[in-house]
């Protein structure tokens, strides 16, 4: 399995920080809910997921990078939304695995 260079990992981390900042910023802009326990917990969970979503998708791409276009299409047809749903649902796991690998 190929690994990313440090430069790529830093770019992925920077992109993750930007996306996380946008998501958390939207929580601060939203005034429909007061800041209570539920909003703080949801902001924390969404922030963590947004931070790890890009590395999780990159890790998934690196696992399948050696496949041809026909194999990618076949995987997409057989998995459907589940092929991208696993890295999204398990983003913290795949994200940590991406950065530590």
C-alpha atoms as a PDB file:
ATOM      1  CA  UNK A   1       0.000   0.000   0.000  1.00  0.00           C
ATOM      2  CA  UNK A   2       1.499   3.354  -0.980  1.00  0.00           C
ATOM      3  CA  UNK A   3       1.960   6.035   1.628  1.00  0.00           C
ATOM      4  CA  UNK A   4       1.728   9.772   1.127  1.00  0.00           C
ATOM      5  CA  UNK A   5       4.744  12.004   1.472  1.00  0.00           C
ATOM      6  CA  UNK A   6       4.946  14.459   4.353  1.00  0.00           C
ATOM      7  CA  UNK A   7       4.131  17.330   1.988  1.00  0.00           C
ATOM      8  CA  UNK A   8       0.863  15.667   0.954  1.00  0.00           C
ATOM      9  CA  UNK A   9      -0.034  14.928   4.560  1.00  0.00           C
ATOM     10  CA  UNK A  10       0.549  18.566   5.499  1.00  0.00           C
ATOM     11  CA  UNK A  11      -1.666  19.713   2.617  1.00  0.00           C
ATOM     12  CA  UNK A  12      -4.373  17.258   3.688  1.00  0.00           C
ATOM     13  CA  UNK A  13      -4.081  18.507   7.283  1.00  0.00           C
ATOM     14  CA  UNK A  14      -4.342  22.133   6.140  1.00  0.00           C
ATOM     15  CA  UNK A  15      -7.412  21.349   4.046  1.00  0.00           C
ATOM     16  CA  UNK A  16      -8.931  19.484   7.003  1.00  0.00           C
ATOM     17  CA  UNK A  17      -8.329  22.455   9.300  1.00  0.00           C
ATOM     18  CA  UNK A  18      -9.966  24.827   6.811  1.00  0.00           C
ATOM     19  CA  UNK A  19     -13.027  22.607   6.390  1.00  0.00           C
ATOM     20  CA  UNK A  20     -13.293  22.140  10.162  1.00  0.00           C
ATOM     21  CA  UNK A  21     -13.049  25.899  10.713  1.00  0.00           C
ATOM     22  CA  UNK A  22     -15.871  26.463   8.230  1.00  0.00           C
ATOM     23  CA  UNK A  23     -18.068  23.843   9.923  1.00  0.00           C
ATOM     24  CA  UNK A  24     -17.422  25.208  13.425  1.00  0.00           C
ATOM     25  CA  UNK A  25     -17.874  28.759  12.137  1.00  0.00           C
ATOM     26  CA  UNK A  26     -21.330  27.800  10.895  1.00  0.00           C
ATOM     27  CA  UNK A  27     -22.207  26.698  14.413  1.00  0.00           C
ATOM     28  CA  UNK A  28     -21.247  30.140  15.708  1.00  0.00           C
ATOM     29  CA  UNK A  29     -23.192  31.910  12.950  1.00  0.00           C
ATOM     30  CA  UNK A  30     -26.338  29.859  13.611  1.00  0.00           C
ATOM     31  CA  UNK A  31     -28.451  31.628  16.203  1.00  0.00           C
ATOM     32  CA  UNK A  32     -31.485  29.350  16.023  1.00  0.00           C
ATOM     33  CA  UNK A  33     -30.288  27.297  19.009  1.00  0.00           C
ATOM     34  CA  UNK A  34     -28.790  28.619  22.220  1.00  0.00           C
ATOM     35  CA  UNK A  35     -25.400  27.338  23.314  1.00  0.00           C
ATOM     36  CA  UNK A  36     -26.343  24.428  25.538  1.00  0.00           C
ATOM     37  CA  UNK A  37     -24.925  20.951  26.047  1.00  0.00           C
ATOM     38  CA  UNK A  38     -26.464  19.564  22.853  1.00  0.00           C
ATOM     39  CA  UNK A  39     -25.040  22.289  20.633  1.00  0.00           C
ATOM     40  CA  UNK A  40     -21.591  22.017  22.212  1.00  0.00           C
ATOM     41  CA  UNK A  41     -21.532  18.227  21.845  1.00  0.00           C
ATOM     42  CA  UNK A  42     -22.798  18.339  18.266  1.00  0.00           C
ATOM     43  CA  UNK A  43     -20.265  21.059  17.385  1.00  0.00           C
ATOM     44  CA  UNK A  44     -17.464  18.916  18.831  1.00  0.00           C
ATOM     45  CA  UNK A  45     -18.575  15.747  17.030  1.00  0.00           C
ATOM     46  CA  UNK A  46     -19.116  17.519  13.708  1.00  0.00           C
ATOM     47  CA  UNK A  47     -15.743  19.245  14.079  1.00  0.00           C
ATOM     48  CA  UNK A  48     -13.940  15.959  14.670  1.00  0.00           C
ATOM     49  CA  UNK A  49     -15.705  14.276  11.768  1.00  0.00           C
ATOM     50  CA  UNK A  50     -14.954  17.166   9.427  1.00  0.00           C
ATOM     51  CA  UNK A  51     -11.293  17.098  10.418  1.00  0.00           C
ATOM     52  CA  UNK A  52     -10.910  13.394   9.704  1.00  0.00           C
ATOM     53  CA  UNK A  53     -13.121  13.101   6.602  1.00  0.00           C
ATOM     54  CA  UNK A  54     -10.511  14.251   4.047  1.00  0.00           C
ATOM     55  CA  UNK A  55      -7.734  11.942   5.357  1.00  0.00           C
ATOM     56  CA  UNK A  56     -10.226   9.066   5.483  1.00  0.00           C
ATOM     57  CA  UNK A  57     -11.182   9.570   1.849  1.00  0.00           C
ATOM     58  CA  UNK A  58      -7.510   9.938   0.889  1.00  0.00           C
ATOM     59  CA  UNK A  59      -6.667   6.691   2.718  1.00  0.00           C
ATOM     60  CA  UNK A  60      -9.492   4.962   0.872  1.00  0.00           C
ATOM     61  CA  UNK A  61      -8.174   6.314  -2.417  1.00  0.00           C
ATOM     62  CA  UNK A  62      -4.618   5.152  -1.661  1.00  0.00           C
ATOM     63  CA  UNK A  63      -5.873   1.647  -0.888  1.00  0.00           C
ATOM     64  CA  UNK A  64      -7.453   1.434  -4.348  1.00  0.00           C
ATOM     65  CA  UNK A  65      -5.057   3.626  -6.377  1.00  0.00           C
ATOM     66  CA  UNK A  66      -3.580   0.736  -8.363  1.00  0.00           C
ATOM     67  CA  UNK A  67      -6.933  -0.313  -9.819  1.00  0.00           C
ATOM     68  CA  UNK A  68      -7.952   0.451 -13.383  1.00  0.00           C
ATOM     69  CA  UNK A  69     -10.898   2.647 -14.351  1.00  0.00           C
ATOM     70  CA  UNK A  70     -12.990  -0.439 -15.132  1.00  0.00           C
ATOM     71  CA  UNK A  71     -12.269  -1.872 -11.673  1.00  0.00           C
ATOM     72  CA  UNK A  72     -13.191   1.487 -10.072  1.00  0.00           C
ATOM     73  CA  UNK A  73     -16.465   1.453 -11.998  1.00  0.00           C
ATOM     74  CA  UNK A  74     -17.163  -2.148 -11.006  1.00  0.00           C
ATOM     75  CA  UNK A  75     -16.431  -1.336  -7.349  1.00  0.00           C
ATOM     76  CA  UNK A  76     -18.736   1.668  -7.563  1.00  0.00           C
ATOM     77  CA  UNK A  77     -21.528  -0.366  -9.050  1.00  0.00           C
ATOM     78  CA  UNK A  78     -21.180  -3.182  -6.525  1.00  0.00           C
ATOM     79  CA  UNK A  79     -20.771  -0.987  -3.424  1.00  0.00           C
ATOM     80  CA  UNK A  80     -22.937   1.923  -4.461  1.00  0.00           C
ATOM     81  CA  UNK A  81     -23.076   4.507  -1.708  1.00  0.00           C
ATOM     82  CA  UNK A  82     -21.562   2.016   0.748  1.00  0.00           C
ATOM     83  CA  UNK A  83     -18.140   2.375  -0.849  1.00  0.00           C
ATOM     84  CA  UNK A  84     -17.912   5.992   0.214  1.00  0.00           C
ATOM     85  CA  UNK A  85     -20.122   5.640   3.277  1.00  0.00           C
ATOM     86  CA  UNK A  86     -17.606   3.487   5.174  1.00  0.00           C
ATOM     87  CA  UNK A  87     -14.811   6.083   5.146  1.00  0.00           C
ATOM     88  CA  UNK A  88     -17.319   8.803   6.023  1.00  0.00           C
ATOM     89  CA  UNK A  89     -18.916   6.866   8.880  1.00  0.00           C
ATOM     90  CA  UNK A  90     -15.582   5.672  10.230  1.00  0.00           C
ATOM     91  CA  UNK A  91     -13.726   8.906   9.459  1.00  0.00           C
ATOM     92  CA  UNK A  92     -11.937   9.237  12.825  1.00  0.00           C
ATOM     93  CA  UNK A  93     -10.562   5.698  12.554  1.00  0.00           C
ATOM     94  CA  UNK A  94      -9.390   6.051   8.944  1.00  0.00           C
ATOM     95  CA  UNK A  95      -8.136   9.599   9.560  1.00  0.00           C
ATOM     96  CA  UNK A  96      -5.942   8.591  12.492  1.00  0.00           C
ATOM     97  CA  UNK A  97      -4.730   5.577  10.538  1.00  0.00           C
ATOM     98  CA  UNK A  98      -3.838   7.856   7.610  1.00  0.00           C
ATOM     99  CA  UNK A  99      -1.808  10.279   9.726  1.00  0.00           C
ATOM    100  CA  UNK A 100       0.011   7.580  11.708  1.00  0.00           C
ATOM    101  CA  UNK A 101       0.894   5.430   8.705  1.00  0.00           C
END
